N, C-alpha and C. Protein backbone atom coordinates (compact mmCIF):
# COMPACT_ATOMS: atom_id res chain seq x y z
N MET A 1 4.38 0.80 9.92
CA MET A 1 4.97 0.35 8.68
C MET A 1 6.48 0.42 8.72
N ASN A 2 7.02 1.35 9.47
CA ASN A 2 8.48 1.49 9.51
C ASN A 2 9.16 0.24 10.03
N SER A 3 8.52 -0.49 10.92
CA SER A 3 9.16 -1.66 11.52
C SER A 3 9.38 -2.78 10.50
N VAL A 4 8.55 -2.89 9.48
CA VAL A 4 8.71 -3.99 8.54
C VAL A 4 9.88 -3.78 7.59
N ILE A 5 10.35 -2.57 7.44
CA ILE A 5 11.45 -2.35 6.49
C ILE A 5 12.81 -2.63 7.11
N SER A 6 12.85 -2.97 8.38
CA SER A 6 14.13 -3.33 8.97
C SER A 6 14.66 -4.62 8.35
N ARG A 7 13.78 -5.35 7.70
CA ARG A 7 14.16 -6.56 6.99
C ARG A 7 13.64 -6.44 5.56
N PRO A 8 14.35 -5.72 4.69
CA PRO A 8 13.87 -5.49 3.33
C PRO A 8 13.49 -6.80 2.64
N ASP A 9 12.35 -6.77 2.03
CA ASP A 9 11.82 -7.97 1.39
C ASP A 9 10.82 -7.50 0.35
N ASP A 10 10.93 -8.01 -0.86
CA ASP A 10 10.00 -7.57 -1.89
C ASP A 10 8.59 -8.11 -1.69
N ARG A 11 8.38 -8.93 -0.66
CA ARG A 11 7.05 -9.46 -0.38
C ARG A 11 6.27 -8.59 0.60
N ILE A 12 6.83 -7.48 1.02
CA ILE A 12 6.12 -6.56 1.92
C ILE A 12 5.07 -5.80 1.10
N VAL A 13 3.88 -5.68 1.67
CA VAL A 13 2.80 -4.94 1.02
C VAL A 13 2.31 -3.87 1.99
N GLY A 14 2.31 -2.62 1.54
CA GLY A 14 1.77 -1.52 2.31
C GLY A 14 0.46 -1.06 1.70
N VAL A 15 -0.53 -0.80 2.55
CA VAL A 15 -1.86 -0.41 2.07
C VAL A 15 -2.31 0.84 2.83
N ILE A 16 -2.75 1.83 2.08
CA ILE A 16 -3.34 3.04 2.66
C ILE A 16 -4.82 3.03 2.27
N LEU A 17 -5.67 3.07 3.29
CA LEU A 17 -7.11 3.09 3.06
C LEU A 17 -7.68 4.46 3.39
N THR A 18 -8.96 4.62 3.17
CA THR A 18 -9.66 5.86 3.42
C THR A 18 -9.29 6.47 4.76
N GLY A 19 -9.17 7.77 4.79
CA GLY A 19 -8.84 8.46 6.03
C GLY A 19 -8.25 9.82 5.76
N MET A 20 -8.16 10.60 6.82
CA MET A 20 -7.59 11.93 6.62
C MET A 20 -6.23 12.00 7.28
N GLY A 21 -5.48 12.98 6.86
CA GLY A 21 -4.14 13.15 7.40
C GLY A 21 -3.10 12.58 6.46
N LYS A 22 -1.87 12.53 6.96
CA LYS A 22 -0.75 12.06 6.15
C LYS A 22 0.14 11.10 6.94
N ASP A 23 -0.30 10.69 8.13
CA ASP A 23 0.59 9.92 8.99
C ASP A 23 1.01 8.56 8.42
N GLY A 24 0.22 7.96 7.56
CA GLY A 24 0.59 6.68 6.97
C GLY A 24 1.46 6.79 5.75
N VAL A 25 1.54 7.98 5.18
CA VAL A 25 2.25 8.17 3.92
C VAL A 25 3.75 7.91 4.07
N GLN A 26 4.34 8.38 5.14
CA GLN A 26 5.78 8.18 5.34
C GLN A 26 6.10 6.68 5.43
N GLY A 27 5.28 5.94 6.14
CA GLY A 27 5.50 4.49 6.24
C GLY A 27 5.40 3.82 4.89
N LEU A 28 4.43 4.23 4.10
CA LEU A 28 4.27 3.67 2.76
C LEU A 28 5.49 3.99 1.90
N ALA A 29 5.98 5.21 2.01
CA ALA A 29 7.17 5.60 1.25
C ALA A 29 8.38 4.78 1.68
N TYR A 30 8.53 4.52 2.97
CA TYR A 30 9.63 3.67 3.44
C TYR A 30 9.54 2.29 2.84
N ILE A 31 8.35 1.73 2.86
CA ILE A 31 8.18 0.39 2.30
C ILE A 31 8.57 0.38 0.83
N LYS A 32 8.10 1.36 0.09
CA LYS A 32 8.35 1.38 -1.35
C LYS A 32 9.81 1.66 -1.69
N HIS A 33 10.38 2.68 -1.10
CA HIS A 33 11.71 3.11 -1.52
C HIS A 33 12.85 2.38 -0.81
N LEU A 34 12.65 1.95 0.40
CA LEU A 34 13.72 1.28 1.13
C LEU A 34 13.54 -0.23 1.21
N GLY A 35 12.30 -0.66 1.28
CA GLY A 35 12.04 -2.09 1.44
C GLY A 35 11.80 -2.82 0.14
N GLY A 36 11.44 -2.09 -0.90
CA GLY A 36 11.23 -2.74 -2.19
C GLY A 36 9.90 -3.45 -2.32
N GLY A 37 8.96 -3.17 -1.44
CA GLY A 37 7.68 -3.86 -1.46
C GLY A 37 6.70 -3.28 -2.46
N ILE A 38 5.47 -3.75 -2.37
CA ILE A 38 4.37 -3.30 -3.21
C ILE A 38 3.48 -2.39 -2.38
N THR A 39 3.02 -1.30 -2.98
CA THR A 39 2.18 -0.36 -2.25
C THR A 39 0.84 -0.15 -2.95
N LEU A 40 -0.21 -0.10 -2.15
CA LEU A 40 -1.57 0.05 -2.64
C LEU A 40 -2.23 1.22 -1.93
N ALA A 41 -3.07 1.95 -2.65
CA ALA A 41 -3.85 3.02 -2.04
C ALA A 41 -5.28 2.91 -2.55
N GLN A 42 -6.22 3.20 -1.68
CA GLN A 42 -7.63 3.16 -2.03
C GLN A 42 -7.96 4.32 -2.96
N ASP A 43 -8.79 4.06 -3.95
CA ASP A 43 -9.17 5.11 -4.90
C ASP A 43 -10.18 6.08 -4.30
N GLU A 44 -10.34 7.21 -4.95
CA GLU A 44 -11.23 8.24 -4.44
C GLU A 44 -12.69 7.79 -4.42
N ALA A 45 -13.11 7.07 -5.45
CA ALA A 45 -14.52 6.68 -5.57
C ALA A 45 -14.98 5.79 -4.42
N SER A 46 -14.12 4.92 -3.91
CA SER A 46 -14.54 4.02 -2.83
C SER A 46 -14.13 4.51 -1.44
N SER A 47 -13.43 5.65 -1.37
CA SER A 47 -13.01 6.21 -0.08
C SER A 47 -14.11 7.09 0.51
N ILE A 48 -14.27 7.01 1.81
CA ILE A 48 -15.17 7.94 2.50
C ILE A 48 -14.47 9.28 2.62
N VAL A 49 -13.19 9.24 3.00
CA VAL A 49 -12.34 10.43 3.06
C VAL A 49 -11.08 10.11 2.25
N TYR A 50 -10.84 10.86 1.20
CA TYR A 50 -9.75 10.57 0.27
C TYR A 50 -8.43 11.22 0.66
N GLY A 51 -8.34 11.78 1.85
CA GLY A 51 -7.15 12.53 2.25
C GLY A 51 -5.86 11.73 2.26
N MET A 52 -5.82 10.65 3.03
CA MET A 52 -4.58 9.89 3.14
C MET A 52 -4.22 9.15 1.85
N PRO A 53 -5.17 8.48 1.20
CA PRO A 53 -4.81 7.85 -0.08
C PRO A 53 -4.32 8.87 -1.11
N LYS A 54 -4.94 10.04 -1.15
CA LYS A 54 -4.52 11.08 -2.09
C LYS A 54 -3.10 11.55 -1.77
N ALA A 55 -2.82 11.78 -0.49
CA ALA A 55 -1.48 12.22 -0.09
C ALA A 55 -0.44 11.18 -0.48
N ALA A 56 -0.78 9.90 -0.30
CA ALA A 56 0.15 8.83 -0.67
C ALA A 56 0.38 8.82 -2.18
N PHE A 57 -0.70 8.93 -2.93
CA PHE A 57 -0.60 8.94 -4.40
C PHE A 57 0.27 10.10 -4.87
N GLU A 58 0.10 11.25 -4.27
CA GLU A 58 0.84 12.44 -4.68
C GLU A 58 2.35 12.33 -4.42
N THR A 59 2.77 11.43 -3.55
CA THR A 59 4.20 11.24 -3.31
C THR A 59 4.86 10.42 -4.41
N GLY A 60 4.05 9.72 -5.20
CA GLY A 60 4.61 8.87 -6.24
C GLY A 60 5.06 7.50 -5.75
N CYS A 61 4.72 7.16 -4.53
CA CYS A 61 5.18 5.89 -3.98
C CYS A 61 4.10 4.80 -4.02
N VAL A 62 3.02 5.04 -4.72
CA VAL A 62 1.92 4.07 -4.79
C VAL A 62 2.00 3.30 -6.11
N ASP A 63 2.05 1.99 -6.01
CA ASP A 63 2.09 1.15 -7.20
C ASP A 63 0.71 0.96 -7.83
N PHE A 64 -0.31 0.81 -6.99
CA PHE A 64 -1.66 0.54 -7.47
C PHE A 64 -2.67 1.40 -6.72
N VAL A 65 -3.55 2.06 -7.44
CA VAL A 65 -4.68 2.78 -6.86
C VAL A 65 -5.92 1.96 -7.22
N LEU A 66 -6.58 1.44 -6.19
CA LEU A 66 -7.65 0.47 -6.41
C LEU A 66 -8.85 0.75 -5.52
N SER A 67 -9.99 0.24 -5.91
CA SER A 67 -11.17 0.31 -5.03
C SER A 67 -10.94 -0.62 -3.85
N SER A 68 -11.75 -0.48 -2.83
CA SER A 68 -11.60 -1.35 -1.66
C SER A 68 -11.77 -2.81 -2.05
N GLU A 69 -12.67 -3.11 -2.95
CA GLU A 69 -12.87 -4.49 -3.40
C GLU A 69 -11.65 -4.98 -4.20
N GLU A 70 -11.11 -4.11 -5.04
CA GLU A 70 -9.92 -4.49 -5.81
C GLU A 70 -8.71 -4.69 -4.91
N ILE A 71 -8.61 -3.92 -3.85
CA ILE A 71 -7.52 -4.11 -2.88
C ILE A 71 -7.63 -5.48 -2.24
N ARG A 72 -8.84 -5.85 -1.85
CA ARG A 72 -9.07 -7.17 -1.26
C ARG A 72 -8.60 -8.27 -2.21
N GLN A 73 -8.99 -8.18 -3.46
CA GLN A 73 -8.62 -9.20 -4.44
C GLN A 73 -7.12 -9.19 -4.72
N LYS A 74 -6.52 -7.99 -4.78
CA LYS A 74 -5.08 -7.89 -5.03
C LYS A 74 -4.30 -8.55 -3.89
N LEU A 75 -4.73 -8.32 -2.66
CA LEU A 75 -4.05 -8.95 -1.52
C LEU A 75 -4.17 -10.47 -1.57
N ILE A 76 -5.34 -10.96 -1.90
CA ILE A 76 -5.53 -12.41 -2.04
C ILE A 76 -4.58 -12.96 -3.10
N ASN A 77 -4.52 -12.29 -4.24
CA ASN A 77 -3.65 -12.75 -5.33
C ASN A 77 -2.17 -12.70 -4.93
N LEU A 78 -1.77 -11.66 -4.22
CA LEU A 78 -0.37 -11.55 -3.78
C LEU A 78 -0.01 -12.65 -2.79
N VAL A 79 -0.92 -12.95 -1.87
CA VAL A 79 -0.67 -14.02 -0.91
C VAL A 79 -0.57 -15.37 -1.63
N ARG A 80 -1.48 -15.61 -2.53
CA ARG A 80 -1.42 -16.87 -3.30
C ARG A 80 -0.12 -16.98 -4.07
N LYS A 81 0.27 -15.91 -4.72
CA LYS A 81 1.53 -15.90 -5.49
C LYS A 81 2.72 -16.16 -4.57
N GLY A 82 2.72 -15.52 -3.39
CA GLY A 82 3.80 -15.71 -2.44
C GLY A 82 3.87 -17.13 -1.92
N LEU A 83 2.73 -17.72 -1.66
CA LEU A 83 2.70 -19.10 -1.17
C LEU A 83 3.17 -20.08 -2.23
N GLU A 84 2.85 -19.79 -3.48
CA GLU A 84 3.29 -20.66 -4.57
C GLU A 84 4.79 -20.56 -4.79
N GLY A 85 5.37 -19.38 -4.49
CA GLY A 85 6.79 -19.16 -4.70
C GLY A 85 7.66 -19.73 -3.58
N ASP A 86 7.07 -20.01 -2.41
CA ASP A 86 7.86 -20.52 -1.27
C ASP A 86 8.08 -22.01 -1.36
């Protein structure tokens, strides 16, 4: 995730899905605070392991906490919106 913020763009989307650990959280924080993008994290109910999404949420850098299905739909909507804006 760190590589995408070298070119700040509000169209960057960072997503944290089910998993343990915290290794993705720093990248998500970079995207949110330095790149100005949108950040998504999987909710507890649809996660097999809520460790990484929870850690991301606790940093305050997550814009949307969604189920895996809602994440899919949100990404589709963001891509459509981006294509319409270009």
